[in-house]
N, C-alpha and C. Protein backbone atom coordinates (compact mmCIF):
# COMPACT_ATOMS: atom_id res chain seq x y z
N UNK A 1 0.84 -1.18 0.00
CA UNK A 1 0.00 0.00 0.00
C UNK A 1 0.89 1.25 0.00
N UNK A 2 0.60 2.17 -0.91
CA UNK A 2 1.38 3.39 -1.02
C UNK A 2 0.85 4.44 -0.06
N UNK A 3 1.74 5.17 0.60
CA UNK A 3 1.28 6.24 1.49
C UNK A 3 0.65 7.35 0.66
N UNK A 4 -0.25 8.12 1.24
CA UNK A 4 -0.85 9.23 0.50
C UNK A 4 0.20 10.29 0.18
N UNK A 5 0.05 10.92 -0.94
CA UNK A 5 0.96 11.98 -1.34
C UNK A 5 0.42 13.29 -0.80
N UNK A 6 1.32 14.19 -0.43
CA UNK A 6 0.86 15.49 0.06
C UNK A 6 1.80 16.58 -0.44
N UNK A 7 1.26 17.78 -0.53
CA UNK A 7 2.07 18.93 -0.92
C UNK A 7 2.94 19.34 0.27
N UNK A 8 4.13 19.78 -0.04
CA UNK A 8 5.05 20.21 1.01
C UNK A 8 4.73 21.63 1.44
N UNK A 9 4.79 21.91 2.74
CA UNK A 9 4.63 23.30 3.19
C UNK A 9 5.74 24.17 2.59
N UNK A 10 5.46 25.44 2.43
CA UNK A 10 6.41 26.40 1.86
C UNK A 10 7.77 26.30 2.57
N UNK A 11 8.84 26.22 1.80
CA UNK A 11 10.19 26.19 2.34
C UNK A 11 10.70 24.80 2.71
N UNK A 12 9.81 23.83 2.76
CA UNK A 12 10.23 22.48 3.18
C UNK A 12 11.10 21.81 2.13
N UNK A 13 10.80 22.03 0.85
CA UNK A 13 11.60 21.42 -0.21
C UNK A 13 13.04 21.90 -0.12
N UNK A 14 13.25 23.19 0.13
CA UNK A 14 14.61 23.72 0.27
C UNK A 14 15.35 22.99 1.39
N UNK A 15 14.69 22.85 2.52
CA UNK A 15 15.29 22.15 3.66
C UNK A 15 15.68 20.72 3.29
N UNK A 16 14.78 20.02 2.62
CA UNK A 16 15.04 18.62 2.25
C UNK A 16 16.17 18.51 1.23
N UNK A 17 16.23 19.42 0.28
CA UNK A 17 17.32 19.42 -0.70
C UNK A 17 18.65 19.62 0.01
N UNK A 18 18.71 20.61 0.91
CA UNK A 18 19.95 20.85 1.64
C UNK A 18 20.37 19.61 2.43
N UNK A 19 19.41 18.95 3.04
CA UNK A 19 19.71 17.75 3.83
C UNK A 19 20.27 16.64 2.95
N UNK A 20 19.65 16.41 1.81
CA UNK A 20 20.13 15.37 0.88
C UNK A 20 21.54 15.71 0.39
N UNK A 21 21.81 16.98 0.18
CA UNK A 21 23.12 17.40 -0.33
C UNK A 21 24.24 17.24 0.70
N UNK A 22 23.91 16.96 1.96
CA UNK A 22 24.97 16.76 2.96
C UNK A 22 25.79 15.51 2.68
N UNK A 23 25.23 14.58 1.93
CA UNK A 23 25.93 13.32 1.64
C UNK A 23 27.02 13.50 0.59
N UNK A 24 27.06 14.64 -0.08
CA UNK A 24 28.08 14.88 -1.09
C UNK A 24 27.44 15.31 -2.39
N UNK A 25 28.26 15.62 -3.39
CA UNK A 25 27.73 16.11 -4.66
C UNK A 25 26.68 15.17 -5.25
N UNK A 26 25.57 15.76 -5.71
CA UNK A 26 24.46 14.98 -6.23
C UNK A 26 23.74 15.82 -7.29
N UNK A 27 23.25 15.17 -8.32
CA UNK A 27 22.55 15.91 -9.37
C UNK A 27 21.04 15.89 -9.12
N UNK A 28 20.34 16.78 -9.81
CA UNK A 28 18.94 17.02 -9.55
C UNK A 28 18.05 15.79 -9.53
N UNK A 29 18.10 15.00 -10.59
CA UNK A 29 17.24 13.82 -10.67
C UNK A 29 17.53 12.86 -9.50
N UNK A 30 18.77 12.74 -9.13
CA UNK A 30 19.14 11.86 -8.01
C UNK A 30 18.60 12.40 -6.69
N UNK A 31 18.52 13.73 -6.56
CA UNK A 31 17.93 14.32 -5.34
C UNK A 31 16.47 13.92 -5.24
N UNK A 32 15.74 14.05 -6.35
CA UNK A 32 14.32 13.67 -6.36
C UNK A 32 14.15 12.19 -6.04
N UNK A 33 14.99 11.35 -6.62
CA UNK A 33 14.92 9.91 -6.34
C UNK A 33 15.21 9.61 -4.88
N UNK A 34 16.20 10.28 -4.32
CA UNK A 34 16.58 10.04 -2.92
C UNK A 34 15.44 10.47 -1.98
N UNK A 35 14.83 11.60 -2.25
CA UNK A 35 13.71 12.05 -1.42
C UNK A 35 12.54 11.07 -1.49
N UNK A 36 12.28 10.57 -2.68
CA UNK A 36 11.21 9.59 -2.83
C UNK A 36 11.54 8.31 -2.07
N UNK A 37 12.79 7.88 -2.16
CA UNK A 37 13.24 6.65 -1.50
C UNK A 37 13.16 6.78 0.02
N UNK A 38 13.73 7.83 0.58
CA UNK A 38 13.78 7.94 2.04
C UNK A 38 12.41 8.24 2.65
N UNK A 39 11.50 8.78 1.83
CA UNK A 39 10.15 9.05 2.34
C UNK A 39 9.19 7.89 2.08
N UNK A 40 9.73 6.79 1.58
CA UNK A 40 8.90 5.62 1.24
C UNK A 40 7.78 6.01 0.28
N UNK A 41 8.16 6.76 -0.73
CA UNK A 41 7.27 7.18 -1.82
C UNK A 41 6.25 8.25 -1.44
N UNK A 42 6.31 8.79 -0.23
CA UNK A 42 5.36 9.84 0.16
C UNK A 42 5.71 11.17 -0.51
N UNK A 43 7.00 11.39 -0.80
CA UNK A 43 7.43 12.62 -1.45
C UNK A 43 7.87 12.31 -2.87
N UNK A 44 7.16 12.87 -3.81
CA UNK A 44 7.55 12.76 -5.22
C UNK A 44 7.66 14.18 -5.76
N UNK A 45 8.89 14.63 -5.86
CA UNK A 45 9.15 16.01 -6.26
C UNK A 45 9.21 16.09 -7.78
N UNK A 46 8.39 16.95 -8.32
CA UNK A 46 8.33 17.14 -9.77
C UNK A 46 9.44 18.09 -10.22
N UNK A 47 9.88 17.92 -11.47
CA UNK A 47 10.93 18.77 -12.01
C UNK A 47 10.57 20.24 -11.94
N UNK A 48 9.28 20.55 -12.12
CA UNK A 48 8.82 21.93 -12.09
C UNK A 48 8.98 22.59 -10.73
N UNK A 49 9.12 21.78 -9.69
CA UNK A 49 9.38 22.30 -8.34
C UNK A 49 10.85 22.17 -7.98
N UNK A 50 11.46 21.06 -8.38
CA UNK A 50 12.84 20.76 -7.99
C UNK A 50 13.85 21.76 -8.57
N UNK A 51 13.81 21.94 -9.88
CA UNK A 51 14.86 22.74 -10.50
C UNK A 51 14.79 24.23 -10.14
N UNK A 52 13.60 24.82 -10.02
CA UNK A 52 13.58 26.20 -9.50
C UNK A 52 14.14 26.29 -8.08
N UNK A 53 13.84 25.30 -7.25
CA UNK A 53 14.38 25.29 -5.87
C UNK A 53 15.90 25.17 -5.90
N UNK A 54 16.44 24.31 -6.75
CA UNK A 54 17.89 24.16 -6.85
C UNK A 54 18.55 25.47 -7.30
N UNK A 55 17.96 26.12 -8.29
CA UNK A 55 18.53 27.39 -8.77
C UNK A 55 18.45 28.46 -7.68
N UNK A 56 17.35 28.49 -6.96
CA UNK A 56 17.19 29.44 -5.86
C UNK A 56 18.27 29.21 -4.79
N UNK A 57 18.48 27.96 -4.41
CA UNK A 57 19.48 27.62 -3.39
C UNK A 57 20.89 27.93 -3.87
N UNK A 58 21.13 27.72 -5.16
CA UNK A 58 22.44 28.06 -5.73
C UNK A 58 22.64 29.58 -5.73
N UNK A 59 21.61 30.31 -6.13
CA UNK A 59 21.71 31.78 -6.17
C UNK A 59 21.91 32.38 -4.78
N UNK A 60 21.37 31.75 -3.76
CA UNK A 60 21.53 32.20 -2.37
C UNK A 60 22.90 31.83 -1.80
N UNK A 61 23.65 30.98 -2.51
CA UNK A 61 24.96 30.56 -2.04
C UNK A 61 24.91 29.37 -1.11
N UNK A 62 23.76 28.71 -1.00
CA UNK A 62 23.63 27.53 -0.13
C UNK A 62 24.12 26.26 -0.82
N UNK A 63 24.08 26.26 -2.14
CA UNK A 63 24.60 25.15 -2.94
C UNK A 63 25.58 25.71 -3.96
N UNK A 64 26.60 24.92 -4.25
CA UNK A 64 27.50 25.23 -5.36
C UNK A 64 27.29 24.13 -6.39
N UNK A 65 27.48 24.45 -7.67
CA UNK A 65 27.20 23.47 -8.71
C UNK A 65 28.33 23.42 -9.73
N UNK A 66 28.48 22.25 -10.31
CA UNK A 66 29.43 22.07 -11.41
C UNK A 66 28.91 20.99 -12.34
N UNK A 67 29.20 21.15 -13.62
CA UNK A 67 28.79 20.16 -14.61
C UNK A 67 29.82 19.04 -14.65
N UNK A 68 29.34 17.80 -14.60
CA UNK A 68 30.21 16.64 -14.78
C UNK A 68 29.38 15.47 -15.28
N UNK A 69 30.07 14.39 -15.54
CA UNK A 69 29.40 13.21 -16.09
C UNK A 69 28.76 12.39 -14.97
N UNK A 70 27.51 12.00 -15.19
CA UNK A 70 26.80 11.16 -14.21
C UNK A 70 27.16 9.69 -14.45
N UNK A 71 26.61 8.83 -13.59
CA UNK A 71 26.90 7.40 -13.72
C UNK A 71 26.34 6.79 -15.00
N UNK A 72 25.41 7.48 -15.65
CA UNK A 72 24.88 6.97 -16.93
C UNK A 72 25.54 7.67 -18.12
N UNK A 73 26.70 8.25 -17.87
CA UNK A 73 27.54 8.87 -18.90
C UNK A 73 26.89 10.07 -19.59
N UNK A 74 26.09 10.81 -18.84
CA UNK A 74 25.48 12.03 -19.36
C UNK A 74 25.96 13.20 -18.51
N UNK A 75 26.08 14.35 -19.15
CA UNK A 75 26.45 15.55 -18.42
C UNK A 75 25.29 15.94 -17.50
N UNK A 76 25.62 16.24 -16.26
CA UNK A 76 24.61 16.65 -15.29
C UNK A 76 25.22 17.70 -14.38
N UNK A 77 24.37 18.55 -13.86
CA UNK A 77 24.81 19.58 -12.92
C UNK A 77 24.76 18.98 -11.53
N UNK A 78 25.92 18.84 -10.90
CA UNK A 78 26.04 18.28 -9.56
C UNK A 78 26.07 19.41 -8.55
N UNK A 79 25.28 19.25 -7.49
CA UNK A 79 25.17 20.25 -6.44
C UNK A 79 25.84 19.75 -5.17
N UNK A 80 26.51 20.66 -4.49
CA UNK A 80 27.10 20.33 -3.19
C UNK A 80 26.77 21.44 -2.22
N UNK A 81 26.68 21.07 -0.96
CA UNK A 81 26.37 22.01 0.10
C UNK A 81 27.58 22.89 0.39
N UNK A 82 27.36 24.17 0.52
CA UNK A 82 28.43 25.11 0.88
C UNK A 82 28.43 25.31 2.40
N UNK A 83 29.44 26.00 2.91
CA UNK A 83 29.47 26.32 4.34
C UNK A 83 28.25 27.16 4.71
N UNK A 84 27.88 28.10 3.87
CA UNK A 84 26.69 28.92 4.10
C UNK A 84 25.44 28.03 4.10
N UNK A 85 25.42 27.04 3.21
CA UNK A 85 24.31 26.10 3.15
C UNK A 85 24.20 25.24 4.41
N UNK A 86 25.35 24.86 4.97
CA UNK A 86 25.34 24.08 6.22
C UNK A 86 24.75 24.90 7.37
N UNK A 87 25.12 26.17 7.42
CA UNK A 87 24.56 27.05 8.46
C UNK A 87 23.05 27.20 8.26
N UNK A 88 22.63 27.37 7.02
CA UNK A 88 21.21 27.50 6.72
C UNK A 88 20.46 26.21 7.07
N UNK A 89 21.05 25.08 6.78
CA UNK A 89 20.43 23.79 7.11
C UNK A 89 20.24 23.65 8.61
N UNK A 90 21.26 24.02 9.40
CA UNK A 90 21.13 23.96 10.86
C UNK A 90 20.00 24.87 11.35
N UNK A 91 19.95 26.08 10.82
CA UNK A 91 18.92 27.03 11.24
C UNK A 91 17.53 26.54 10.85
N UNK A 92 17.38 26.09 9.62
CA UNK A 92 16.08 25.63 9.15
C UNK A 92 15.64 24.34 9.85
N UNK A 93 16.59 23.47 10.17
CA UNK A 93 16.26 22.24 10.89
C UNK A 93 15.73 22.60 12.28
N UNK A 94 16.37 23.54 12.95
CA UNK A 94 15.90 23.99 14.25
C UNK A 94 14.51 24.60 14.16
N UNK A 95 14.29 25.43 13.14
CA UNK A 95 12.97 26.04 12.94
C UNK A 95 11.91 24.97 12.71
N UNK A 96 12.24 23.99 11.86
CA UNK A 96 11.29 22.91 11.56
C UNK A 96 10.98 22.09 12.81
N UNK A 97 11.99 21.80 13.60
CA UNK A 97 11.76 21.02 14.82
C UNK A 97 10.88 21.77 15.81
N UNK A 98 11.11 23.07 15.96
CA UNK A 98 10.26 23.88 16.85
C UNK A 98 8.83 23.93 16.34
N UNK A 99 8.66 24.12 15.04
CA UNK A 99 7.33 24.19 14.45
C UNK A 99 6.59 22.86 14.59
N UNK A 100 7.27 21.76 14.27
CA UNK A 100 6.60 20.46 14.35
C UNK A 100 6.25 20.11 15.80
N UNK A 101 7.09 20.50 16.74
CA UNK A 101 6.78 20.27 18.15
C UNK A 101 5.56 21.09 18.56
N UNK A 102 5.50 22.34 18.12
CA UNK A 102 4.36 23.20 18.46
C UNK A 102 3.07 22.66 17.86
N UNK A 103 3.13 22.20 16.62
CA UNK A 103 1.94 21.62 15.98
C UNK A 103 1.52 20.35 16.72
N UNK A 104 2.50 19.53 17.08
CA UNK A 104 2.20 18.32 17.84
C UNK A 104 1.51 18.62 19.16
N UNK A 105 2.01 19.63 19.86
CA UNK A 105 1.39 20.03 21.13
C UNK A 105 -0.04 20.53 20.91
N UNK A 106 -0.24 21.33 19.87
CA UNK A 106 -1.58 21.84 19.58
C UNK A 106 -2.52 20.71 19.24
N UNK A 107 -2.05 19.72 18.49
CA UNK A 107 -2.90 18.58 18.15
C UNK A 107 -3.26 17.76 19.38
N UNK A 108 -2.29 17.58 20.29
CA UNK A 108 -2.57 16.84 21.52
C UNK A 108 -3.60 17.58 22.37
N UNK A 109 -3.47 18.90 22.45
CA UNK A 109 -4.40 19.70 23.20
C UNK A 109 -5.79 19.59 22.58
N UNK A 110 -5.84 19.68 21.26
CA UNK A 110 -7.12 19.60 20.56
C UNK A 110 -7.78 18.25 20.78
N UNK A 111 -7.00 17.18 20.82
CA UNK A 111 -7.55 15.84 21.07
C UNK A 111 -8.13 15.75 22.47
N UNK A 112 -7.47 16.37 23.42
CA UNK A 112 -7.94 16.34 24.81
C UNK A 112 -9.23 17.10 25.00
N UNK A 113 -9.48 18.05 24.13
CA UNK A 113 -10.71 18.86 24.24
C UNK A 113 -11.91 18.20 23.60
N UNK A 114 -11.67 17.26 22.70
CA UNK A 114 -12.82 16.66 21.99
C UNK A 114 -13.40 15.45 22.69
């Protein structure tokens, strides 16, 4: 049984891309595959969302990119996390953890009221 698919909250895709890039240089399609794999198919990132996010992160200096040959012998743009990107990942991870904890608390409170 496949888990339901859901849209990502604003900014979450950037956070997930930065996290995947911590493992080392990776190209766009492989990022999408990795996110789908680690989420057990719950996250399927479309090219129309992925590549604008990658360009945005590169323009902000959170990712650096270079063209090289992929494992299937095609030229691909490989992205790697920069020092600025690592700092951003730490900050965004903390923000996400605080937000998810707050939502969890609100849901628990709401359950207790019903």
